[in-house]
């Protein structure tokens, strides 16, 4: 599993890359960006405290079902290199 504990992550390409190859992802649920990826993908596991983190870790070790992993792969597939660049430019308020 990929664990992304950042409370300041702004986009998390590494999260999308992990989802794209069917790797379970555990993210900090207190981060709105990561929690948004988790909610929209219906794949990533979120935690907000130590007990939830341990439960997410246990679930990922036991393995996520193929429907959940496929959902994450499909979600990650909606981000093309061009769309990511457009989002980064917008976030940084850069022109072409």
Foldseek 3Di string as FASTA:
>chain_A
DAEAEDQPDDAPPVQLVCLQVLQAYEYECNRPNVVVLCVQLVAHQYDPDDVSVVVSVVDVVVNDDPVNSVSSSVSSVVDDPVNVVVVVCVVVVHDD
